[in-house]
Amino acid sequence: MPVLESRDIRGATIAVDDEGYLENFDDWSDEVANELAKREGVGALPEDKLASLRFIREHYRKFGFFPILRAVCRNVHKPKDCVQEDFLNPLIAWKLAGLPHPGEPIISLHEAGQSPG
């Protein structure tokens, strides 16, 4: 199992699966999100993107699924397509939010041009 190893993440070693999704939901932090973003080629995450990721996480924790993309944007007071604009790909937002691997049905929906949320 690959791991994120960074002294910048409070000296912790964080486990990710073969595709870079966190193994443990509770390992997530702003620092982990930034390290995941770096690995995905997204770069540093400003506060507004982190706010989107925090909302996605809380929604997932409460309901067990990715929120409707427009709900993310509305709840962080951004334009309706903010997730696609900020992360280009909702599955990248899924990964950076530290959600578990979405599985084949969600990936197939995305590849078919439909939103996972």
Protein backbone atom coordinates (compact mmCIF):
# COMPACT_ATOMS: atom_id res chain seq x y z
CA MET A 1 0.00 0.00 0.00
CA PRO A 2 1.51 3.38 -0.97
CA VAL A 3 1.96 5.97 1.72
CA LEU A 4 2.21 9.72 1.80
CA GLU A 5 5.39 10.44 3.66
CA SER A 6 6.01 14.02 4.51
CA ARG A 7 7.51 15.77 7.46
CA ASP A 8 5.11 18.60 6.58
CA ILE A 9 2.17 16.47 7.68
CA ARG A 10 2.99 16.66 11.36
CA GLY A 11 5.59 13.92 10.99
CA ALA A 12 2.89 11.37 10.14
CA THR A 13 2.89 8.66 7.51
CA ILE A 14 -0.52 8.60 5.82
CA ALA A 15 -1.67 5.46 3.96
CA VAL A 16 -3.26 5.80 0.54
CA ASP A 17 -4.46 3.12 -1.87
CA ASP A 18 -2.85 2.40 -5.24
CA GLU A 19 -4.79 5.28 -6.84
CA GLY A 20 -3.96 7.83 -4.15
CA TYR A 21 -7.20 7.77 -2.09
CA LEU A 22 -6.79 7.94 1.68
CA GLU A 23 -7.15 4.60 3.44
CA ASN A 24 -8.37 6.22 6.67
CA PHE A 25 -10.99 8.99 6.45
CA ASP A 26 -9.80 10.43 9.76
CA ASP A 27 -6.23 10.95 8.54
CA TRP A 28 -7.38 13.99 6.54
CA SER A 29 -6.31 17.52 7.40
CA ASP A 30 -5.66 20.69 5.43
CA GLU A 31 -2.01 19.65 5.29
CA VAL A 32 -2.89 16.19 3.93
CA ALA A 33 -5.20 17.77 1.34
CA ASN A 34 -2.35 20.01 0.18
CA GLU A 35 0.01 17.04 -0.08
CA LEU A 36 -2.61 15.08 -2.07
CA ALA A 37 -3.13 18.13 -4.30
CA LYS A 38 0.59 18.35 -4.95
CA ARG A 39 0.62 14.66 -5.96
CA GLU A 40 -2.32 15.28 -8.31
CA GLY A 41 -0.63 18.28 -9.92
CA VAL A 42 -3.22 20.71 -8.56
CA GLY A 43 -0.78 22.80 -6.54
CA ALA A 44 -1.38 24.57 -3.27
CA LEU A 45 -4.98 24.83 -2.09
CA PRO A 46 -6.12 28.32 -1.11
CA GLU A 47 -8.67 28.74 1.66
CA ASP A 48 -11.69 28.80 -0.69
CA LYS A 49 -10.78 25.39 -2.17
CA LEU A 50 -10.15 24.00 1.30
CA ALA A 51 -13.60 25.28 2.34
CA SER A 52 -15.12 23.30 -0.55
CA LEU A 53 -13.25 20.18 0.52
CA ARG A 54 -14.34 20.60 4.14
CA PHE A 55 -17.97 20.89 3.03
CA ILE A 56 -17.64 17.76 0.85
CA ARG A 57 -16.17 15.86 3.83
CA GLU A 58 -18.86 16.95 6.25
CA HIS A 59 -21.60 16.05 3.79
CA TYR A 60 -20.01 12.64 3.21
CA ARG A 61 -19.61 12.07 6.97
CA LYS A 62 -23.25 12.97 7.59
CA PHE A 63 -24.94 11.30 4.60
CA GLY A 64 -22.43 8.76 3.28
CA PHE A 65 -22.25 10.14 -0.24
CA PHE A 66 -20.72 12.96 -2.28
CA PRO A 67 -22.91 16.08 -2.29
CA ILE A 68 -24.55 17.48 -5.39
CA LEU A 69 -21.91 19.73 -6.91
CA ARG A 70 -24.13 22.81 -6.91
CA ALA A 71 -24.76 22.29 -3.19
CA VAL A 72 -21.03 22.45 -2.55
CA CYS A 73 -20.77 25.74 -4.40
CA ARG A 74 -23.88 27.22 -2.82
CA ASN A 75 -22.71 26.32 0.69
CA VAL A 76 -19.30 27.90 0.22
CA HIS A 77 -20.82 30.95 -1.51
CA LYS A 78 -19.25 30.38 -4.93
CA PRO A 79 -20.61 30.16 -8.50
CA LYS A 80 -22.63 27.04 -9.35
CA ASP A 81 -19.82 25.30 -11.25
CA CYS A 82 -17.12 25.97 -8.67
CA VAL A 83 -16.08 22.34 -8.15
CA GLN A 84 -15.31 21.82 -11.84
CA GLU A 85 -13.64 25.22 -12.04
CA ASP A 86 -11.57 24.69 -8.89
CA PHE A 87 -10.59 21.06 -9.38
CA LEU A 88 -11.34 20.41 -13.10
CA ASN A 89 -12.56 16.94 -12.21
CA PRO A 90 -15.02 16.10 -9.40
CA LEU A 91 -13.14 12.86 -8.78
CA ILE A 92 -10.05 14.93 -7.96
CA ALA A 93 -12.14 16.85 -5.42
CA TRP A 94 -13.32 13.47 -4.08
CA LYS A 95 -9.72 12.35 -3.64
CA LEU A 96 -8.48 15.64 -2.16
CA ALA A 97 -11.38 15.64 0.31
CA GLY A 98 -10.02 12.36 1.65
CA LEU A 99 -13.10 10.32 0.79
CA PRO A 100 -12.67 6.57 0.32
CA HIS A 101 -12.14 5.19 -3.18
CA PRO A 102 -15.44 5.84 -5.00
CA GLY A 103 -15.61 2.46 -6.71
CA GLU A 104 -16.31 1.53 -10.29
CA PRO A 105 -19.97 2.72 -10.50
CA ILE A 106 -19.03 6.29 -9.58
CA ILE A 107 -15.98 6.30 -11.83
CA SER A 108 -18.09 4.99 -14.73
CA LEU A 109 -20.69 7.72 -14.17
CA HIS A 110 -17.96 10.34 -14.30
CA GLU A 111 -16.43 8.85 -17.45
CA ALA A 112 -19.91 8.98 -19.03
CA GLY A 113 -19.96 12.74 -18.35
CA GLN A 114 -22.25 12.60 -15.31
CA SER A 115 -21.56 14.03 -11.90
CA PRO A 116 -20.73 11.69 -9.03
CA GLY A 117 -22.87 13.89 -6.82
